[in-house]
């Protein structure tokens, strides 16, 4: 399965994975948050705690984190 990586364009270090290519399902952390698509990744190449990320993606459709 493919996952889409997004970055907050507001200049913060916020990143998010989403199963939605548009990223519309990723909530805004602040009013100025604007998610911008960066890359397509596979489940196998996810970094961080892969099991936690996959569980969160399956349950909510996104996983937000700071770099």
N, C-alpha and C. Protein backbone atom coordinates (compact mmCIF):
# COMPACT_ATOMS: atom_id res chain seq x y z
N UNK A 1 0.84 -1.19 0.00
CA UNK A 1 0.00 0.00 0.00
C UNK A 1 0.88 1.24 0.00
N UNK A 2 0.43 2.26 -0.70
CA UNK A 2 1.18 3.51 -0.74
C UNK A 2 0.63 4.49 0.28
N UNK A 3 1.53 5.28 0.80
CA UNK A 3 1.20 6.32 1.77
C UNK A 3 1.77 7.62 1.22
N UNK A 4 1.11 8.71 1.48
CA UNK A 4 1.52 10.00 0.94
C UNK A 4 2.09 10.87 2.07
N UNK A 5 3.24 11.45 1.83
CA UNK A 5 3.92 12.29 2.82
C UNK A 5 3.63 13.75 2.51
N UNK A 6 3.23 14.48 3.56
CA UNK A 6 2.93 15.90 3.44
C UNK A 6 3.77 16.69 4.43
N UNK A 7 4.04 17.95 4.09
CA UNK A 7 4.78 18.86 4.96
C UNK A 7 3.96 20.12 5.14
N UNK A 8 3.97 20.66 6.35
CA UNK A 8 3.29 21.92 6.64
C UNK A 8 4.09 23.06 6.03
N UNK A 9 3.47 23.81 5.14
CA UNK A 9 4.14 24.90 4.44
C UNK A 9 4.32 26.15 5.29
N UNK A 10 3.79 26.17 6.50
CA UNK A 10 3.88 27.37 7.33
C UNK A 10 5.26 27.58 7.94
N UNK A 11 6.21 26.72 7.59
CA UNK A 11 7.56 26.89 8.09
C UNK A 11 7.88 26.07 9.32
N UNK A 12 6.91 25.29 9.79
CA UNK A 12 7.16 24.46 10.96
C UNK A 12 7.78 23.13 10.53
N UNK A 13 8.10 22.31 11.49
CA UNK A 13 8.66 20.99 11.22
C UNK A 13 7.59 19.91 11.23
N UNK A 14 6.34 20.28 11.01
CA UNK A 14 5.24 19.32 11.03
C UNK A 14 5.18 18.55 9.72
N UNK A 15 5.08 17.24 9.84
CA UNK A 15 4.94 16.34 8.70
C UNK A 15 3.75 15.44 8.97
N UNK A 16 3.24 14.82 7.93
CA UNK A 16 2.13 13.89 8.10
C UNK A 16 2.13 12.87 6.98
N UNK A 17 1.75 11.65 7.34
CA UNK A 17 1.46 10.62 6.36
C UNK A 17 -0.04 10.57 6.21
N UNK A 18 -0.50 10.27 5.00
CA UNK A 18 -1.94 10.14 4.76
C UNK A 18 -2.18 9.04 3.74
N UNK A 19 -3.34 8.39 3.86
CA UNK A 19 -3.72 7.42 2.83
C UNK A 19 -4.53 8.11 1.74
N UNK A 20 -4.82 9.40 1.93
CA UNK A 20 -5.56 10.20 0.94
C UNK A 20 -4.55 11.05 0.17
N UNK A 21 -4.48 10.87 -1.13
CA UNK A 21 -3.51 11.60 -1.95
C UNK A 21 -3.69 13.12 -1.88
N UNK A 22 -4.90 13.57 -1.54
CA UNK A 22 -5.14 15.02 -1.45
C UNK A 22 -4.70 15.58 -0.10
N UNK A 23 -4.61 14.74 0.92
CA UNK A 23 -4.25 15.20 2.26
C UNK A 23 -5.35 15.94 2.98
N UNK A 24 -6.55 15.95 2.44
CA UNK A 24 -7.66 16.68 3.06
C UNK A 24 -8.08 16.10 4.41
N UNK A 25 -7.71 14.86 4.67
CA UNK A 25 -8.10 14.24 5.94
C UNK A 25 -7.14 14.59 7.08
N UNK A 26 -6.06 15.30 6.79
CA UNK A 26 -5.10 15.68 7.83
C UNK A 26 -5.58 16.96 8.51
N UNK A 27 -5.81 16.93 9.81
CA UNK A 27 -6.29 18.15 10.48
C UNK A 27 -5.19 19.21 10.53
N UNK A 28 -5.62 20.44 10.62
CA UNK A 28 -4.67 21.55 10.75
C UNK A 28 -4.27 21.68 12.21
N UNK A 29 -2.97 21.76 12.47
CA UNK A 29 -2.50 21.92 13.84
C UNK A 29 -2.66 23.36 14.30
N UNK A 30 -2.66 24.30 13.34
CA UNK A 30 -2.85 25.72 13.62
C UNK A 30 -3.63 26.32 12.45
N UNK A 31 -4.23 27.48 12.63
CA UNK A 31 -5.00 28.09 11.53
C UNK A 31 -4.18 28.32 10.26
N UNK A 32 -2.88 28.55 10.40
CA UNK A 32 -2.04 28.83 9.23
C UNK A 32 -1.47 27.57 8.59
N UNK A 33 -1.80 26.41 9.12
CA UNK A 33 -1.28 25.15 8.58
C UNK A 33 -1.80 24.93 7.15
N UNK A 34 -0.88 24.63 6.25
CA UNK A 34 -1.24 24.29 4.88
C UNK A 34 -0.40 23.09 4.46
N UNK A 35 -1.04 21.94 4.33
CA UNK A 35 -0.33 20.71 4.01
C UNK A 35 0.01 20.67 2.53
N UNK A 36 1.27 20.40 2.22
CA UNK A 36 1.75 20.31 0.84
C UNK A 36 2.31 18.91 0.60
N UNK A 37 1.87 18.29 -0.49
CA UNK A 37 2.34 16.95 -0.86
C UNK A 37 3.84 16.98 -1.11
N UNK A 38 4.55 15.94 -0.62
CA UNK A 38 6.00 15.85 -0.83
C UNK A 38 6.39 14.61 -1.62
N UNK A 39 5.85 13.44 -1.21
CA UNK A 39 6.36 12.21 -1.78
C UNK A 39 5.39 11.05 -1.53
N UNK A 40 5.55 9.99 -2.32
CA UNK A 40 4.83 8.75 -2.11
C UNK A 40 5.81 7.78 -1.46
N UNK A 41 5.36 7.11 -0.41
CA UNK A 41 6.21 6.12 0.27
C UNK A 41 5.42 4.83 0.44
N UNK A 42 6.13 3.76 0.62
CA UNK A 42 5.48 2.47 0.87
C UNK A 42 5.51 2.19 2.37
N UNK A 43 4.65 1.30 2.82
CA UNK A 43 4.65 0.92 4.24
C UNK A 43 6.03 0.45 4.67
N UNK A 44 6.73 -0.26 3.79
CA UNK A 44 8.04 -0.80 4.13
C UNK A 44 9.08 0.29 4.41
N UNK A 45 8.90 1.46 3.80
CA UNK A 45 9.90 2.51 3.97
C UNK A 45 9.53 3.56 5.02
N UNK A 46 8.44 3.33 5.76
CA UNK A 46 8.08 4.26 6.82
C UNK A 46 9.15 4.29 7.90
N UNK A 47 9.46 5.49 8.38
CA UNK A 47 10.38 5.58 9.50
C UNK A 47 9.58 5.84 10.76
N UNK A 48 10.22 6.07 11.85
CA UNK A 48 9.59 6.18 13.17
C UNK A 48 9.19 4.79 13.63
N UNK A 49 8.20 4.70 14.46
CA UNK A 49 7.68 3.42 14.95
C UNK A 49 6.67 2.90 13.94
N UNK A 50 7.12 2.06 13.03
CA UNK A 50 6.31 1.62 11.90
C UNK A 50 4.96 1.03 12.33
N UNK A 51 4.96 0.19 13.36
CA UNK A 51 3.70 -0.43 13.79
C UNK A 51 2.70 0.61 14.29
N UNK A 52 3.17 1.57 15.05
CA UNK A 52 2.28 2.64 15.54
C UNK A 52 1.74 3.46 14.37
N UNK A 53 2.60 3.80 13.43
CA UNK A 53 2.18 4.59 12.27
C UNK A 53 1.12 3.84 11.48
N UNK A 54 1.34 2.57 11.21
CA UNK A 54 0.40 1.77 10.43
C UNK A 54 -0.95 1.66 11.15
N UNK A 55 -0.92 1.41 12.46
CA UNK A 55 -2.17 1.35 13.23
C UNK A 55 -2.95 2.66 13.13
N UNK A 56 -2.24 3.77 13.26
CA UNK A 56 -2.88 5.09 13.21
C UNK A 56 -3.43 5.36 11.81
N UNK A 57 -2.67 5.01 10.77
CA UNK A 57 -3.15 5.19 9.40
C UNK A 57 -4.41 4.37 9.14
N UNK A 58 -4.42 3.14 9.61
CA UNK A 58 -5.58 2.29 9.40
C UNK A 58 -6.80 2.77 10.16
N UNK A 59 -6.59 3.35 11.34
CA UNK A 59 -7.71 3.80 12.15
C UNK A 59 -8.23 5.18 11.75
N UNK A 60 -7.30 6.13 11.49
CA UNK A 60 -7.69 7.51 11.25
C UNK A 60 -7.43 7.99 9.82
N UNK A 61 -6.57 7.30 9.07
CA UNK A 61 -6.26 7.69 7.70
C UNK A 61 -5.10 8.66 7.58
N UNK A 62 -4.54 9.08 8.71
CA UNK A 62 -3.38 9.97 8.70
C UNK A 62 -2.53 9.74 9.93
N UNK A 63 -1.31 10.25 9.90
CA UNK A 63 -0.42 10.20 11.06
C UNK A 63 0.44 11.46 11.00
N UNK A 64 0.26 12.38 11.93
CA UNK A 64 1.01 13.64 11.96
C UNK A 64 2.13 13.54 12.99
N UNK A 65 3.26 14.17 12.66
CA UNK A 65 4.42 14.12 13.55
C UNK A 65 5.35 15.29 13.27
N UNK A 66 6.29 15.52 14.17
CA UNK A 66 7.30 16.58 13.98
C UNK A 66 8.62 15.94 13.61
N UNK A 67 9.34 16.62 12.75
CA UNK A 67 10.66 16.14 12.34
C UNK A 67 11.67 16.52 13.35
